[in-house]
C-alpha atoms as a PDB file:
ATOM      1  CA  MET A   1     -34.118  -7.938 -28.980  1.00  0.00           C
ATOM      2  CA  LYS A   2     -31.029 -10.034 -29.597  1.00  0.00           C
ATOM      3  CA  TYR A   3     -29.179  -7.123 -31.232  1.00  0.00           C
ATOM      4  CA  ALA A   4     -30.158  -4.748 -28.433  1.00  0.00           C
ATOM      5  CA  LEU A   5     -28.665  -7.082 -25.845  1.00  0.00           C
ATOM      6  CA  TRP A   6     -25.435  -7.418 -27.836  1.00  0.00           C
ATOM      7  CA  SER A   7     -25.183  -3.675 -28.352  1.00  0.00           C
ATOM      8  CA  VAL A   8     -25.658  -2.995 -24.613  1.00  0.00           C
ATOM      9  CA  ALA A   9     -22.996  -5.578 -23.800  1.00  0.00           C
ATOM     10  CA  LEU A  10     -20.641  -4.074 -26.388  1.00  0.00           C
ATOM     11  CA  VAL A  11     -21.128  -0.557 -25.027  1.00  0.00           C
ATOM     12  CA  ALA A  12     -20.532  -1.775 -21.465  1.00  0.00           C
ATOM     13  CA  LEU A  13     -17.388  -3.598 -22.546  1.00  0.00           C
ATOM     14  CA  LEU A  14     -15.963  -0.665 -24.493  1.00  0.00           C
ATOM     15  CA  SER A  15     -16.764   1.882 -21.790  1.00  0.00           C
ATOM     16  CA  ALA A  16     -14.105   0.282 -19.600  1.00  0.00           C
ATOM     17  CA  CYS A  17     -11.477   1.195 -22.212  1.00  0.00           C
ATOM     18  CA  GLY A  18     -12.162   4.930 -22.039  1.00  0.00           C
ATOM     19  CA  GLU A  19      -9.899   5.999 -19.199  1.00  0.00           C
ATOM     20  CA  LYS A  20      -9.483   9.724 -18.750  1.00  0.00           C
ATOM     21  CA  PRO A  21      -5.950  11.166 -18.492  1.00  0.00           C
ATOM     22  CA  GLN A  22      -4.749  11.697 -14.944  1.00  0.00           C
ATOM     23  CA  THR A  23      -3.069  14.973 -14.095  1.00  0.00           C
ATOM     24  CA  LEU A  24      -1.296  16.089 -10.955  1.00  0.00           C
ATOM     25  CA  GLY A  25      -3.408  19.183 -10.501  1.00  0.00           C
ATOM     26  CA  THR A  26      -1.842  22.588 -10.082  1.00  0.00           C
ATOM     27  CA  GLY A  27       1.757  21.470 -10.466  1.00  0.00           C
ATOM     28  CA  LYS A  28       2.697  23.184  -7.221  1.00  0.00           C
ATOM     29  CA  ASP A  29       5.041  20.877  -5.354  1.00  0.00           C
ATOM     30  CA  ALA A  30       5.920  22.096  -1.888  1.00  0.00           C
ATOM     31  CA  SER A  31       7.619  20.134   0.841  1.00  0.00           C
ATOM     32  CA  SER A  32       5.525  19.120   3.813  1.00  0.00           C
ATOM     33  CA  TYR A  33       7.675  20.959   6.313  1.00  0.00           C
ATOM     34  CA  THR A  34       6.931  24.324   4.711  1.00  0.00           C
ATOM     35  CA  GLY A  35       3.459  24.246   6.255  1.00  0.00           C
ATOM     36  CA  THR A  36       0.220  25.757   5.077  1.00  0.00           C
ATOM     37  CA  GLY A  37       0.662  29.314   6.312  1.00  0.00           C
ATOM     38  CA  LYS A  38      -2.203  28.901   8.763  1.00  0.00           C
ATOM     39  CA  ALA A  39      -1.956  29.273  12.516  1.00  0.00           C
ATOM     40  CA  PHE A  40      -3.276  25.770  13.207  1.00  0.00           C
ATOM     41  CA  ALA A  41      -0.068  23.830  13.741  1.00  0.00           C
ATOM     42  CA  ASP A  42       1.535  21.774  16.471  1.00  0.00           C
ATOM     43  CA  GLY A  43       2.898  23.834  19.330  1.00  0.00           C
ATOM     44  CA  GLY A  44       6.585  22.968  19.061  1.00  0.00           C
ATOM     45  CA  TRP A  45       6.809  22.922  15.300  1.00  0.00           C
ATOM     46  CA  LYS A  46       7.847  26.000  13.368  1.00  0.00           C
ATOM     47  CA  GLN A  47       6.559  26.122   9.800  1.00  0.00           C
ATOM     48  CA  GLY A  48       9.430  26.034   7.345  1.00  0.00           C
ATOM     49  CA  ASP A  49      11.883  24.426   9.790  1.00  0.00           C
ATOM     50  CA  LYS A  50      12.873  21.065   8.313  1.00  0.00           C
ATOM     51  CA  ALA A  51      14.740  19.822  11.394  1.00  0.00           C
ATOM     52  CA  SER A  52      11.778  20.592  13.639  1.00  0.00           C
ATOM     53  CA  TRP A  53       9.444  18.798  11.204  1.00  0.00           C
ATOM     54  CA  GLU A  54      11.647  15.705  11.133  1.00  0.00           C
ATOM     55  CA  SER A  55      11.922  15.539  14.934  1.00  0.00           C
ATOM     56  CA  HIS A  56       8.154  15.851  15.328  1.00  0.00           C
ATOM     57  CA  MET A  57       7.530  13.161  12.726  1.00  0.00           C
ATOM     58  CA  LYS A  58      10.033  10.840  14.411  1.00  0.00           C
ATOM     59  CA  ALA A  59       8.424  11.357  17.815  1.00  0.00           C
ATOM     60  CA  ARG A  60       4.949  10.839  16.360  1.00  0.00           C
ATOM     61  CA  THR A  61       6.041   7.645  14.673  1.00  0.00           C
ATOM     62  CA  GLN A  62       7.613   6.236  17.830  1.00  0.00           C
ATOM     63  CA  GLN A  63       4.790   7.208  20.190  1.00  0.00           C
ATOM     64  CA  GLY A  64       1.614   6.498  18.301  1.00  0.00           C
ATOM     65  CA  GLN A  65       2.250   4.657  15.068  1.00  0.00           C
ATOM     66  CA  ASN A  66       4.828   2.067  16.045  1.00  0.00           C
ATOM     67  CA  ASP A  67       3.085  -1.283  16.537  1.00  0.00           C
ATOM     68  CA  TYR A  68       6.198  -2.874  18.026  1.00  0.00           C
ATOM     69  CA  SER A  69       6.293  -0.413  20.929  1.00  0.00           C
ATOM     70  CA  ARG A  70       2.551  -0.882  21.610  1.00  0.00           C
ATOM     71  CA  MET A  71       2.840  -4.647  22.017  1.00  0.00           C
ATOM     72  CA  ASN A  72       5.097  -4.475  25.075  1.00  0.00           C
END
């Protein structure tokens, strides 16, 4: 009984050391402004247009995600 308890504890302790390697997936790295190729996109944003993407992200940040502007 004593050895069984120690062996269970040893297995539990050593199982934490067995981390699997982390990979990035497909390796395909596309910029966000290129879009997904689907028709479901914001009305004023053109997929592939970096300037349009940046202006939409700036407006979104200022209107909905800026806590300083919400406090006033």
